[in-house]
PDB file of N, CA and C in Angstrom:
ATOM      1  N   MET A   1     125.586  96.901 119.212  1.00  0.00           N
ATOM      2  CA  MET A   1     125.782  98.224 119.753  1.00  0.00           C
ATOM      3  C   MET A   1     125.695  98.140 121.269  1.00  0.00           C
ATOM      4  N   ALA A   2     126.754  98.505 121.936  1.00  0.00           N
ATOM      5  CA  ALA A   2     126.799  98.428 123.388  1.00  0.00           C
ATOM      6  C   ALA A   2     126.042  99.598 124.005  1.00  0.00           C
ATOM      7  N   THR A   3     125.378  99.317 125.108  1.00  0.00           N
ATOM      8  CA  THR A   3     124.655 100.381 125.805  1.00  0.00           C
ATOM      9  C   THR A   3     125.597 101.089 126.763  1.00  0.00           C
ATOM     10  N   ILE A   4     125.285 102.306 127.051  1.00  0.00           N
ATOM     11  CA  ILE A   4     126.097 103.104 127.966  1.00  0.00           C
ATOM     12  C   ILE A   4     125.329 103.232 129.269  1.00  0.00           C
ATOM     13  N   GLU A   5     125.972 102.786 130.356  1.00  0.00           N
ATOM     14  CA  GLU A   5     125.336 102.841 131.670  1.00  0.00           C
ATOM     15  C   GLU A   5     126.117 103.766 132.585  1.00  0.00           C
ATOM     16  N   VAL A   6     125.381 104.575 133.314  1.00  0.00           N
ATOM     17  CA  VAL A   6     125.992 105.428 134.329  1.00  0.00           C
ATOM     18  C   VAL A   6     125.119 105.303 135.566  1.00  0.00           C
ATOM     19  N   LYS A   7     125.701 104.795 136.640  1.00  0.00           N
ATOM     20  CA  LYS A   7     124.946 104.642 137.889  1.00  0.00           C
ATOM     21  C   LYS A   7     125.248 105.809 138.813  1.00  0.00           C
ATOM     22  N   ARG A   8     124.225 106.217 139.488  1.00  0.00           N
ATOM     23  CA  ARG A   8     124.358 107.358 140.391  1.00  0.00           C
ATOM     24  C   ARG A   8     125.122 106.955 141.649  1.00  0.00           C
ATOM     25  N   LYS A   9     126.125 107.743 141.975  1.00  0.00           N
ATOM     26  CA  LYS A   9     126.906 107.488 143.191  1.00  0.00           C
ATOM     27  C   LYS A   9     126.166 108.076 144.391  1.00  0.00           C
ATOM     28  N   LYS A  10     126.530 107.624 145.563  1.00  0.00           N
ATOM     29  CA  LYS A  10     125.850 108.082 146.776  1.00  0.00           C
ATOM     30  C   LYS A  10     126.082 109.577 146.969  1.00  0.00           C
ATOM     31  N   GLY A  11     124.993 110.318 147.095  1.00  0.00           N
ATOM     32  CA  GLY A  11     125.084 111.758 147.338  1.00  0.00           C
ATOM     33  C   GLY A  11     125.371 112.581 146.091  1.00  0.00           C
ATOM     34  N   GLU A  12     125.359 111.960 144.912  1.00  0.00           N
ATOM     35  CA  GLU A  12     125.661 112.684 143.674  1.00  0.00           C
ATOM     36  C   GLU A  12     124.392 113.336 143.125  1.00  0.00           C
ATOM     37  N   SER A  13     124.527 114.568 142.678  1.00  0.00           N
ATOM     38  CA  SER A  13     123.359 115.277 142.164  1.00  0.00           C
ATOM     39  C   SER A  13     123.005 114.782 140.754  1.00  0.00           C
ATOM     40  N   PHE A  14     121.775 115.067 140.372  1.00  0.00           N
ATOM     41  CA  PHE A  14     121.324 114.667 139.033  1.00  0.00           C
ATOM     42  C   PHE A  14     122.176 115.323 137.953  1.00  0.00           C
ATOM     43  N   GLU A  15     122.522 116.584 138.138  1.00  0.00           N
ATOM     44  CA  GLU A  15     123.317 117.314 137.149  1.00  0.00           C
ATOM     45  C   GLU A  15     124.674 116.649 136.932  1.00  0.00           C
ATOM     46  N   ALA A  16     125.276 116.190 138.017  1.00  0.00           N
ATOM     47  CA  ALA A  16     126.583 115.529 137.916  1.00  0.00           C
ATOM     48  C   ALA A  16     126.461 114.206 137.164  1.00  0.00           C
ATOM     49  N   VAL A  17     125.409 113.453 137.459  1.00  0.00           N
ATOM     50  CA  VAL A  17     125.183 112.179 136.757  1.00  0.00           C
ATOM     51  C   VAL A  17     124.951 112.447 135.276  1.00  0.00           C
ATOM     52  N   PHE A  18     124.147 113.436 134.999  1.00  0.00           N
ATOM     53  CA  PHE A  18     123.849 113.766 133.607  1.00  0.00           C
ATOM     54  C   PHE A  18     125.109 114.213 132.865  1.00  0.00           C
ATOM     55  N   ARG A  19     125.961 114.988 133.532  1.00  0.00           N
ATOM     56  CA  ARG A  19     127.212 115.443 132.939  1.00  0.00           C
ATOM     57  C   ARG A  19     128.111 114.250 132.613  1.00  0.00           C
ATOM     58  N   ARG A  20     128.211 113.293 133.561  1.00  0.00           N
ATOM     59  CA  ARG A  20     129.022 112.105 133.321  1.00  0.00           C
ATOM     60  C   ARG A  20     128.472 111.278 132.167  1.00  0.00           C
ATOM     61  N   PHE A  21     127.152 111.148 132.139  1.00  0.00           N
ATOM     62  CA  PHE A  21     126.498 110.411 131.053  1.00  0.00           C
ATOM     63  C   PHE A  21     126.776 111.075 129.700  1.00  0.00           C
ATOM     64  N   SER A  22     126.618 112.393 129.644  1.00  0.00           N
ATOM     65  CA  SER A  22     126.856 113.135 128.403  1.00  0.00           C
ATOM     66  C   SER A  22     128.293 112.961 127.930  1.00  0.00           C
ATOM     67  N   ARG A  23     129.230 113.023 128.864  1.00  0.00           N
ATOM     68  CA  ARG A  23     130.638 112.863 128.525  1.00  0.00           C
ATOM     69  C   ARG A  23     130.901 111.451 127.980  1.00  0.00           C
ATOM     70  N   ARG A  24     130.302 110.440 128.622  1.00  0.00           N
ATOM     71  CA  ARG A  24     130.473 109.055 128.170  1.00  0.00           C
ATOM     72  C   ARG A  24     129.953 108.883 126.737  1.00  0.00           C
ATOM     73  N   ILE A  25     128.801 109.500 126.454  1.00  0.00           N
ATOM     74  CA  ILE A  25     128.211 109.395 125.102  1.00  0.00           C
ATOM     75  C   ILE A  25     129.120 110.072 124.088  1.00  0.00           C
ATOM     76  N   GLN A  26     129.617 111.248 124.419  1.00  0.00           N
ATOM     77  CA  GLN A  26     130.506 111.972 123.505  1.00  0.00           C
ATOM     78  C   GLN A  26     131.760 111.144 123.212  1.00  0.00           C
ATOM     79  N   GLN A  27     132.330 110.545 124.245  1.00  0.00           N
ATOM     80  CA  GLN A  27     133.557 109.771 124.076  1.00  0.00           C
ATOM     81  C   GLN A  27     133.323 108.491 123.286  1.00  0.00           C
ATOM     82  N   SER A  28     132.119 107.941 123.358  1.00  0.00           N
ATOM     83  CA  SER A  28     131.843 106.694 122.639  1.00  0.00           C
ATOM     84  C   SER A  28     131.740 106.917 121.129  1.00  0.00           C
ATOM     85  N   GLY A  29     131.415 108.142 120.723  1.00  0.00           N
ATOM     86  CA  GLY A  29     131.301 108.441 119.290  1.00  0.00           C
ATOM     87  C   GLY A  29     129.932 108.135 118.713  1.00  0.00           C
ATOM     88  N   LYS A  30     128.989 107.750 119.550  1.00  0.00           N
ATOM     89  CA  LYS A  30     127.646 107.415 119.066  1.00  0.00           C
ATOM     90  C   LYS A  30     126.934 108.628 118.475  1.00  0.00           C
ATOM     91  N   VAL A  31     127.136 109.790 119.065  1.00  0.00           N
ATOM     92  CA  VAL A  31     126.484 111.009 118.584  1.00  0.00           C
ATOM     93  C   VAL A  31     126.949 111.321 117.163  1.00  0.00           C
ATOM     94  N   LEU A  32     128.247 111.170 116.922  1.00  0.00           N
ATOM     95  CA  LEU A  32     128.785 111.446 115.587  1.00  0.00           C
ATOM     96  C   LEU A  32     128.225 110.492 114.549  1.00  0.00           C
ATOM     97  N   THR A  33     128.144 109.213 114.897  1.00  0.00           N
ATOM     98  CA  THR A  33     127.634 108.244 113.920  1.00  0.00           C
ATOM     99  C   THR A  33     126.154 108.481 113.623  1.00  0.00           C
ATOM    100  N   VAL A  34     125.384 108.825 114.646  1.00  0.00           N
ATOM    101  CA  VAL A  34     123.954 109.082 114.432  1.00  0.00           C
ATOM    102  C   VAL A  34     123.762 110.331 113.584  1.00  0.00           C
ATOM    103  N   ARG A  35     124.516 111.389 113.872  1.00  0.00           N
ATOM    104  CA  ARG A  35     124.386 112.619 113.091  1.00  0.00           C
ATOM    105  C   ARG A  35     124.824 112.407 111.644  1.00  0.00           C
ATOM    106  N   ALA A  36     125.819 111.574 111.437  1.00  0.00           N
ATOM    107  CA  ALA A  36     126.310 111.322 110.078  1.00  0.00           C
ATOM    108  C   ALA A  36     125.268 110.580 109.255  1.00  0.00           C
ATOM    109  N   SER A  37     124.542 109.670 109.893  1.00  0.00           N
ATOM    110  CA  SER A  37     123.582 108.861 109.147  1.00  0.00           C
ATOM    111  C   SER A  37     122.156 109.379 109.268  1.00  0.00           C
ATOM    112  N   ARG A  38     121.965 110.539 109.855  1.00  0.00           N
ATOM    113  CA  ARG A  38     120.629 111.043 110.155  1.00  0.00           C
ATOM    114  C   ARG A  38     119.768 111.240 108.906  1.00  0.00           C
ATOM    115  N   TYR A  39     120.304 111.882 107.885  1.00  0.00           N
ATOM    116  CA  TYR A  39     119.528 112.185 106.689  1.00  0.00           C
ATOM    117  C   TYR A  39     119.930 111.308 105.510  1.00  0.00           C
ATOM    118  N   HIS A  40     120.700 110.285 105.768  1.00  0.00           N
ATOM    119  CA  HIS A  40     121.177 109.420 104.690  1.00  0.00           C
ATOM    120  C   HIS A  40     120.072 108.450 104.284  1.00  0.00           C
ATOM    121  N   ALA A  41     119.678 108.499 103.036  1.00  0.00           N
ATOM    122  CA  ALA A  41     118.660 107.585 102.534  1.00  0.00           C
ATOM    123  C   ALA A  41     119.341 106.368 101.930  1.00  0.00           C
ATOM    124  N   LYS A  42     118.835 105.203 102.278  1.00  0.00           N
ATOM    125  CA  LYS A  42     119.410 103.987 101.733  1.00  0.00           C
ATOM    126  C   LYS A  42     119.131 103.916 100.239  1.00  0.00           C
ATOM    127  N   ALA A  43     120.089 103.386  99.499  1.00  0.00           N
ATOM    128  CA  ALA A  43     119.912 103.222  98.058  1.00  0.00           C
ATOM    129  C   ALA A  43     118.848 102.152  97.825  1.00  0.00           C
ATOM    130  N   PRO A  44     117.976 102.369  96.834  1.00  0.00           N
ATOM    131  CA  PRO A  44     116.949 101.362  96.573  1.00  0.00           C
ATOM    132  C   PRO A  44     117.572 100.050  96.108  1.00  0.00           C
ATOM    133  N   SER A  45     116.928  98.963  96.461  1.00  0.00           N
ATOM    134  CA  SER A  45     117.442  97.655  96.094  1.00  0.00           C
ATOM    135  C   SER A  45     117.269  97.420  94.591  1.00  0.00           C
ATOM    136  N   LYS A  46     117.946  96.401  94.096  1.00  0.00           N
ATOM    137  CA  LYS A  46     117.887  96.077  92.672  1.00  0.00           C
ATOM    138  C   LYS A  46     116.449  95.728  92.269  1.00  0.00           C
ATOM    139  N   THR A  47     115.742  95.016  93.137  1.00  0.00           N
ATOM    140  CA  THR A  47     114.356  94.628  92.857  1.00  0.00           C
ATOM    141  C   THR A  47     113.453  95.849  92.756  1.00  0.00           C
ATOM    142  N   ARG A  48     113.645  96.794  93.672  1.00  0.00           N
ATOM    143  CA  ARG A  48     112.813  98.006  93.670  1.00  0.00           C
ATOM    144  C   ARG A  48     113.091  98.852  92.431  1.00  0.00           C
ATOM    145  N   LYS A  49     114.361  98.986  92.048  1.00  0.00           N
ATOM    146  CA  LYS A  49     114.709  99.727  90.835  1.00  0.00           C
ATOM    147  C   LYS A  49     114.069  99.089  89.618  1.00  0.00           C
ATOM    148  N   HIS A  50     114.155  97.769  89.557  1.00  0.00           N
ATOM    149  CA  HIS A  50     113.597  97.030  88.426  1.00  0.00           C
ATOM    150  C   HIS A  50     112.080  97.221  88.350  1.00  0.00           C
ATOM    151  N   GLY A  51     111.422  97.141  89.507  1.00  0.00           N
ATOM    152  CA  GLY A  51     109.970  97.309  89.550  1.00  0.00           C
ATOM    153  C   GLY A  51     109.532  98.692  89.095  1.00  0.00           C
ATOM    154  N   SER A  52     110.252  99.718  89.519  1.00  0.00           N
ATOM    155  CA  SER A  52     109.876 101.074  89.126  1.00  0.00           C
ATOM    156  C   SER A  52     110.139 101.301  87.634  1.00  0.00           C
ATOM    157  N   ALA A  53     111.192 100.687  87.108  1.00  0.00           N
ATOM    158  CA  ALA A  53     111.475 100.805  85.675  1.00  0.00           C
ATOM    159  C   ALA A  53     110.369 100.150  84.866  1.00  0.00           C
ATOM    160  N   ILE A  54     109.905  99.007  85.302  1.00  0.00           N
ATOM    161  CA  ILE A  54     108.818  98.309  84.599  1.00  0.00           C
ATOM    162  C   ILE A  54     107.541  99.134  84.649  1.00  0.00           C
ATOM    163  N   ARG A  55     107.239  99.718  85.834  1.00  0.00           N
ATOM    164  CA  ARG A  55     106.040 100.561  85.946  1.00  0.00           C
ATOM    165  C   ARG A  55     106.111 101.759  85.009  1.00  0.00           C
ATOM    166  N   ARG A  56     107.301 102.386  84.909  1.00  0.00           N
ATOM    167  CA  ARG A  56     107.458 103.517  83.990  1.00  0.00           C
ATOM    168  C   ARG A  56     107.184 103.095  82.556  1.00  0.00           C
ATOM    169  N   LEU A  57     107.714 101.941  82.154  1.00  0.00           N
ATOM    170  CA  LEU A  57     107.488 101.453  80.786  1.00  0.00           C
ATOM    171  C   LEU A  57     106.010 101.167  80.537  1.00  0.00           C
ATOM    172  N   GLU A  58     105.365 100.531  81.527  1.00  0.00           N
ATOM    173  CA  GLU A  58     103.934 100.218  81.369  1.00  0.00           C
ATOM    174  C   GLU A  58     103.091 101.487  81.265  1.00  0.00           C
ATOM    175  N   MET A  59     103.392 102.484  82.111  1.00  0.00           N
ATOM    176  CA  MET A  59     102.627 103.736  82.064  1.00  0.00           C
ATOM    177  C   MET A  59     102.858 104.470  80.751  1.00  0.00           C
ATOM    178  N   GLY A  60     104.086 104.450  80.259  1.00  0.00           N
ATOM    179  CA  GLY A  60     104.374 105.074  78.970  1.00  0.00           C
ATOM    180  C   GLY A  60     103.631 104.401  77.836  1.00  0.00           C
ATOM    181  N   ALA A  61     103.590 103.074  77.864  1.00  0.00           N
ATOM    182  CA  ALA A  61     102.874 102.328  76.835  1.00  0.00           C
ATOM    183  C   ALA A  61     101.374 102.614  76.911  1.00  0.00           C
ATOM    184  N   LYS A  62     100.850 102.681  78.120  1.00  0.00           N
ATOM    185  CA  LYS A  62      99.423 102.970  78.303  1.00  0.00           C
ATOM    186  C   LYS A  62      99.096 104.372  77.781  1.00  0.00           C
ATOM    187  N   ARG A  63      99.959 105.322  78.068  1.00  0.00           N
ATOM    188  CA  ARG A  63      99.764 106.699  77.619  1.00  0.00           C
ATOM    189  C   ARG A  63      99.775 106.771  76.089  1.00  0.00           C
ATOM    190  N   GLU A  64     100.764 106.101  75.486  1.00  0.00           N
ATOM    191  CA  GLU A  64     100.847 106.077  74.017  1.00  0.00           C
ATOM    192  C   GLU A  64      99.592 105.460  73.411  1.00  0.00           C
ATOM    193  N   TYR A  65      99.105 104.373  74.005  1.00  0.00           N
ATOM    194  CA  TYR A  65      97.910 103.701  73.496  1.00  0.00           C
ATOM    195  C   TYR A  65      96.705 104.635  73.566  1.00  0.00           C
ATOM    196  N   LEU A  66      96.531 105.319  74.705  1.00  0.00           N
ATOM    197  CA  LEU A  66      95.396 106.228  74.858  1.00  0.00           C
ATOM    198  C   LEU A  66      95.475 107.389  73.866  1.00  0.00           C
ATOM    199  N   LEU A  67      96.672 107.886  73.616  1.00  0.00           N
ATOM    200  CA  LEU A  67      96.835 108.979  72.657  1.00  0.00           C
ATOM    201  C   LEU A  67      96.545 108.508  71.234  1.00  0.00           C
ATOM    202  N   LYS A  68      97.034 107.320  70.869  1.00  0.00           N
ATOM    203  CA  LYS A  68      96.837 106.801  69.513  1.00  0.00           C
ATOM    204  C   LYS A  68      95.379 106.479  69.233  1.00  0.00           C
ATOM    205  N   THR A  69      94.675 105.943  70.224  1.00  0.00           N
ATOM    206  CA  THR A  69      93.274 105.592  70.023  1.00  0.00           C
ATOM    207  C   THR A  69      92.363 106.810  70.115  1.00  0.00           C
ATOM    208  N   GLY A  70      92.888 107.935  70.567  1.00  0.00           N
ATOM    209  CA  GLY A  70      92.101 109.164  70.639  1.00  0.00           C
ATOM    210  C   GLY A  70      91.229 109.266  71.875  1.00  0.00           C
ATOM    211  N   LYS A  71      91.434 108.400  72.829  1.00  0.00           N
ATOM    212  CA  LYS A  71      90.627 108.448  74.053  1.00  0.00           C
ATOM    213  C   LYS A  71      91.033 109.614  74.947  1.00  0.00           C
ATOM    214  N   VAL A  72      92.273 110.066  74.799  1.00  0.00           N
ATOM    215  CA  VAL A  72      92.784 111.188  75.579  1.00  0.00           C
ATOM    216  C   VAL A  72      93.571 112.084  74.644  1.00  0.00           C
ATOM    217  N   LYS A  73      93.443 113.396  74.877  1.00  0.00           N
ATOM    218  CA  LYS A  73      94.209 114.347  74.068  1.00  0.00           C
ATOM    219  C   LYS A  73      95.492 114.718  74.809  1.00  0.00           C
ATOM    220  N   GLU A  74      96.467 115.205  74.042  1.00  0.00           N
ATOM    221  CA  GLU A  74      97.754 115.593  74.624  1.00  0.00           C
ATOM    222  C   GLU A  74      97.571 116.677  75.679  1.00  0.00           C
ATOM    223  N   GLU A  75      96.662 117.629  75.436  1.00  0.00           N
ATOM    224  CA  GLU A  75      96.439 118.727  76.373  1.00  0.00           C
ATOM    225  C   GLU A  75      95.893 118.203  77.707  1.00  0.00           C
ATOM    226  N   ASP A  76      94.993 117.206  77.622  1.00  0.00           N
ATOM    227  CA  ASP A  76      94.417 116.643  78.842  1.00  0.00           C
ATOM    228  C   ASP A  76      95.496 115.961  79.690  1.00  0.00           C
ATOM    229  N   MET A  77      96.425 115.291  79.026  1.00  0.00           N
ATOM    230  CA  MET A  77      97.509 114.614  79.746  1.00  0.00           C
ATOM    231  C   MET A  77      98.392 115.639  80.460  1.00  0.00           C
ATOM    232  N   GLN A  78      98.675 116.743  79.808  1.00  0.00           N
ATOM    233  CA  GLN A  78      99.517 117.768  80.404  1.00  0.00           C
ATOM    234  C   GLN A  78      98.818 118.423  81.587  1.00  0.00           C
ATOM    235  N   GLN A  79      97.499 118.649  81.477  1.00  0.00           N
ATOM    236  CA  GLN A  79      96.755 119.255  82.575  1.00  0.00           C
ATOM    237  C   GLN A  79      96.712 118.331  83.785  1.00  0.00           C
ATOM    238  N   SER A  80      96.559 117.030  83.552  1.00  0.00           N
ATOM    239  CA  SER A  80      96.500 116.093  84.682  1.00  0.00           C
ATOM    240  C   SER A  80      97.855 116.014  85.370  1.00  0.00           C
ATOM    241  N   ARG A  81      98.942 116.204  84.635  1.00  0.00           N
ATOM    242  CA  ARG A  81     100.268 116.216  85.252  1.00  0.00           C
ATOM    243  C   ARG A  81     100.450 117.437  86.142  1.00  0.00           C
ATOM    244  N   ARG A  82      99.932 118.576  85.718  1.00  0.00           N
ATOM    245  CA  ARG A  82     100.083 119.814  86.492  1.00  0.00           C
ATOM    246  C   ARG A  82      99.337 119.727  87.817  1.00  0.00           C
ATOM    247  N   ARG A  83      98.202 119.040  87.846  1.00  0.00           N
ATOM    248  CA  ARG A  83      97.391 118.939  89.052  1.00  0.00           C
ATOM    249  C   ARG A  83      98.092 118.133  90.134  1.00  0.00           C
ATOM    250  N   GLN A  84      98.936 117.207  89.754  1.00  0.00           N
ATOM    251  CA  GLN A  84      99.596 116.350  90.724  1.00  0.00           C
ATOM    252  C   GLN A  84     100.601 117.128  91.434  1.00  0.00           C
TER     253      GLN A  84
END
């Protein structure tokens, strides 16, 4: 990514330099590219997707085990979900 440089000419006011700088940025298209990608979230990687899928399976298995053994009731599980 190339940087944009604007040097102040002799006797040039700050406003004029700033105007030239703003125009240079607009013409370069950098503002458009930044605004386009501003809220864009990168897609999760294959490894991250796989890890979250495994965690979901493990938590589901743990929940089923706790329910089957009677250590936790269905109502308690629902209440703990609401608190989050």
